[in-house]
Protein backbone atom coordinates (compact mmCIF):
# COMPACT_ATOMS: atom_id res chain seq x y z
CA MET A 1 -0.33 0.12 -0.13
CA ARG A 2 1.38 3.41 -0.56
CA PHE A 3 0.77 6.96 0.15
CA TYR A 4 1.45 10.01 -1.95
CA ILE A 5 1.46 12.97 0.48
CA ALA A 6 1.00 15.91 -1.14
CA SER A 7 3.46 18.29 0.48
CA SER A 8 7.46 18.64 -0.59
CA ASN A 9 7.69 19.55 3.91
CA ALA A 10 10.46 17.18 5.47
CA HIS A 11 9.44 17.40 8.15
CA LYS A 12 6.26 17.04 7.35
CA ILE A 13 6.29 13.80 5.52
CA ARG A 14 8.36 12.35 8.16
CA GLU A 15 5.84 12.67 11.44
CA PHE A 16 3.22 11.16 8.87
CA SER A 17 5.29 7.87 8.30
CA ARG A 18 5.80 8.27 12.69
CA MET A 19 2.03 7.92 12.45
CA PHE A 20 1.42 5.39 9.95
CA ALA A 21 4.31 3.16 11.95
CA GLY A 22 1.96 3.88 15.10
CA ARG A 23 -1.43 3.37 13.99
CA GLY A 24 0.36 -0.95 12.62
CA MET A 25 -0.31 -0.02 8.86
CA ASP A 26 2.84 -1.55 6.11
CA CYS A 27 2.57 1.27 3.76
CA GLU A 28 5.15 3.32 1.10
CA VAL A 29 4.85 6.66 2.50
CA LEU A 30 6.42 9.76 -0.64
CA GLY A 31 5.98 13.22 -0.82
CA ALA A 32 5.07 15.31 -3.92
CA ASP A 33 8.81 15.21 -4.85
CA ALA A 34 8.38 11.65 -5.20
CA LEU A 35 6.49 12.44 -8.26
CA THR A 36 7.10 15.95 -9.42
CA PRO A 37 10.34 18.84 -8.57
CA SER A 38 7.94 21.08 -8.47
CA PHE A 39 4.63 20.92 -7.00
CA SER A 40 2.83 24.03 -5.95
CA PRO A 41 -0.74 23.99 -6.25
CA GLU A 42 -2.42 27.75 -6.50
CA GLU A 43 -4.45 27.00 -2.85
CA ASP A 44 -7.21 29.66 -2.81
CA GLY A 45 -9.97 27.79 -1.06
CA ASP A 46 -11.22 29.54 1.54
CA SER A 47 -11.00 26.88 4.47
CA PHE A 48 -8.84 24.38 5.75
CA GLU A 49 -10.59 21.83 3.55
CA ALA A 50 -11.21 23.87 0.48
CA ASN A 51 -7.06 24.18 0.54
CA ALA A 52 -6.58 20.37 1.52
CA MET A 53 -8.79 19.00 -1.02
CA ILE A 54 -7.38 21.62 -4.36
CA LYS A 55 -3.22 19.97 -3.25
CA ALA A 56 -5.12 16.36 -3.24
CA ARG A 57 -6.68 16.73 -7.13
CA ALA A 58 -4.08 18.52 -8.16
CA LEU A 59 -1.29 15.27 -6.75
CA ARG A 60 -4.01 12.72 -7.16
CA SER A 61 -3.56 13.65 -11.28
CA LEU A 62 0.15 12.42 -10.96
CA ALA A 63 0.05 9.53 -8.76
CA PRO A 64 -0.47 5.75 -10.12
CA LYS A 65 -3.82 5.16 -10.57
CA ASP A 66 -3.46 1.88 -7.12
CA SER A 67 -2.31 5.11 -4.56
CA TYR A 68 -4.13 6.86 -2.37
CA VAL A 69 -3.04 10.25 -2.14
CA MET A 70 -3.96 12.97 0.94
CA ALA A 71 -3.12 16.74 1.94
CA ASP A 72 -3.63 18.28 4.46
CA ASP A 73 -3.90 22.12 5.63
CA SER A 74 -3.50 23.25 9.28
CA GLY A 75 -2.93 26.07 10.71
CA LEU A 76 -3.19 28.23 13.60
CA VAL A 77 -6.64 29.96 14.82
CA VAL A 78 -5.99 32.63 17.38
CA ASP A 79 -9.01 34.40 19.39
CA ALA A 80 -7.91 37.93 20.10
CA LEU A 81 -7.16 38.12 16.07
CA ASN A 82 -10.85 37.08 14.90
CA GLY A 83 -9.38 33.78 13.40
CA ALA A 84 -5.61 34.85 11.78
CA PRO A 85 -3.20 33.90 11.04
CA GLY A 86 -5.80 30.66 10.00
CA ILE A 87 -5.30 29.87 6.43
CA ARG A 88 -2.90 32.13 6.23
CA SER A 89 -1.19 30.31 8.82
CA ALA A 90 2.42 29.53 6.36
CA ARG A 91 2.47 32.61 4.84
CA TYR A 92 0.95 34.80 8.13
CA ALA A 93 4.99 37.35 7.54
CA GLY A 94 5.40 37.18 3.58
CA VAL A 95 8.62 35.32 4.14
CA SER A 96 9.36 31.48 2.44
CA GLY A 97 11.73 29.54 2.87
CA SER A 98 13.87 28.35 5.97
CA SER A 99 13.33 31.54 7.90
CA ALA A 100 9.15 31.66 7.86
CA ASP A 101 8.72 29.85 11.15
CA ALA A 102 11.11 33.07 13.38
CA ALA A 103 9.56 35.09 10.78
CA ASN A 104 6.20 34.06 11.14
CA ASN A 105 6.57 33.21 15.18
CA ALA A 106 8.00 37.25 15.44
CA LYS A 107 4.44 38.37 14.28
CA LEU A 108 2.44 36.58 16.07
CA LEU A 109 4.08 37.86 19.44
CA LYS A 110 4.30 41.44 18.18
CA ALA A 111 0.17 40.94 17.32
CA LEU A 112 -0.71 39.34 20.80
CA SER A 113 1.81 41.96 22.41
CA GLU A 114 -1.13 43.81 24.38
CA VAL A 115 -3.53 41.24 24.70
CA PRO A 116 -3.78 39.65 28.42
CA ASP A 117 -3.13 36.12 29.04
CA ASN A 118 -6.64 35.40 29.31
CA LEU A 119 -7.68 36.46 25.37
CA ARG A 120 -4.40 34.49 24.53
CA THR A 121 -6.37 31.13 23.27
CA ALA A 122 -5.65 29.95 20.37
CA ARG A 123 -6.48 25.90 18.95
CA PHE A 124 -5.01 24.33 15.89
CA VAL A 125 -6.76 23.17 12.88
CA CYS A 126 -5.94 20.31 10.42
CA ALA A 127 -8.12 19.25 7.93
CA ILE A 128 -6.51 15.43 6.34
CA ALA A 129 -8.45 15.02 2.36
CA LEU A 130 -8.11 11.86 0.92
CA ILE A 131 -8.35 10.65 -2.47
CA SER A 132 -8.15 6.74 -2.50
CA PRO A 133 -7.68 4.58 -5.44
CA ASP A 134 -11.19 4.17 -6.41
CA LEU A 135 -11.45 8.12 -6.96
CA SER A 136 -13.67 8.59 -3.58
CA GLU A 137 -12.92 11.39 -1.96
CA ASN A 138 -12.99 12.14 2.32
CA ILE A 139 -12.58 14.73 4.88
CA PHE A 140 -11.61 14.33 8.44
CA LYS A 141 -10.64 17.13 10.57
CA GLY A 142 -9.00 17.65 14.33
CA THR A 143 -8.39 20.38 16.55
CA VAL A 144 -6.26 21.24 19.90
CA GLU A 145 -7.09 23.98 22.11
CA GLY A 146 -4.29 26.09 23.92
CA ILE A 147 -2.70 29.71 24.88
CA ILE A 148 -0.45 31.29 22.59
CA GLY A 149 2.63 32.18 25.19
CA ARG A 150 5.24 35.62 25.78
CA LYS A 151 8.19 33.56 24.53
CA GLU A 152 9.24 30.06 22.30
CA ALA A 153 10.18 27.32 24.32
CA GLY A 154 11.23 23.90 23.13
CA LYS A 155 13.74 22.51 20.32
CA GLY A 156 10.78 20.08 18.51
CA GLY A 157 7.93 20.58 15.41
CA PHE A 158 7.85 23.24 13.64
CA GLY A 159 5.71 26.31 12.53
CA TYR A 160 3.81 27.92 15.91
CA ASP A 161 4.57 24.84 17.80
CA PRO A 162 7.28 27.09 20.12
CA LEU A 163 4.63 29.43 20.76
CA PHE A 164 1.90 26.99 21.16
CA ILE A 165 1.00 26.59 25.06
CA LEU A 166 -1.18 23.11 26.23
CA PRO A 167 -2.97 24.67 28.99
CA ASP A 168 -2.75 20.89 31.11
CA ARG A 169 0.60 20.65 30.52
CA GLY A 170 2.21 23.67 30.73
CA ILE A 171 4.62 23.57 28.22
CA THR A 172 4.64 23.86 24.64
CA THR A 173 4.10 21.42 21.86
CA ALA A 174 7.93 21.88 20.41
CA GLU A 175 8.39 20.89 24.35
CA LEU A 176 6.48 16.99 23.10
CA SER A 177 8.45 13.99 21.75
CA GLU A 178 7.09 13.43 18.56
CA ASP A 179 5.42 10.00 19.27
CA GLU A 180 3.37 12.52 22.33
CA LYS A 181 3.16 15.23 19.72
CA ASN A 182 1.59 12.87 17.46
CA SER A 183 -1.06 11.65 19.98
CA ILE A 184 -2.75 14.94 21.14
CA SER A 185 -1.94 17.18 17.52
CA HIS A 186 -4.69 18.60 15.55
CA ARG A 187 -2.96 16.69 13.07
CA GLY A 188 -2.39 13.84 15.06
CA LYS A 189 -6.62 13.56 15.75
CA ALA A 190 -7.34 13.64 12.43
CA PHE A 191 -4.68 11.10 10.44
CA ILE A 192 -6.12 8.64 13.03
CA SER A 193 -9.60 8.91 12.31
CA MET A 194 -8.32 8.81 8.16
CA ALA A 195 -6.19 5.51 9.39
CA GLU A 196 -9.54 4.16 10.54
CA PHE A 197 -11.06 4.58 7.30
CA VAL A 198 -8.77 3.55 5.82
CA LYS A 199 -8.86 0.09 7.65
CA LYS A 200 -12.13 0.02 7.16
CA GLN A 201 -11.79 0.07 3.41
CA LEU A 202 -9.37 -2.42 3.00
CA LYS A 203 -11.43 -4.93 5.37
CA LYS A 204 -13.94 -4.52 2.19
């Protein structure tokens, strides 16, 4: 069984590979770069679900017919910022490449500099789009609630993880091990729903 992930982000591919293994699914997990040297469909949807499906459909046109194709679109929704950065989370500061995470986090901290701790509530949201070999399409969602800290903490994860504090743990998602993060994260929750769906499909 082969899954193609509509991303060339090495962190994300590795994270999904560990998730598949954790669910006992013996499959080959490959990124978009296994099919094309340049994968950048225009993500012009108005929701995480729409953008995930745009990416999945774009990769489906390139992937072998007997494979599964999945794409996720995820981001940070901050209540005090009326839902921003939202679907623009990866492009929040207008910076691309290896310096994007630092720029996005710096912009977020500045935007929330005057917001009191009790109003810094936020959530990570993930939508996974799955296109099966029979071309059926499905969406799976996951969320995790948190609070935006006032400084970065932790060396794990990526993106906004060093700022996203889990209230019941008192640590950021960047301070979790990969396995811990995958078990409680927005992406992990959406993935578990998707994995169970695939297992049921295979039993038919």
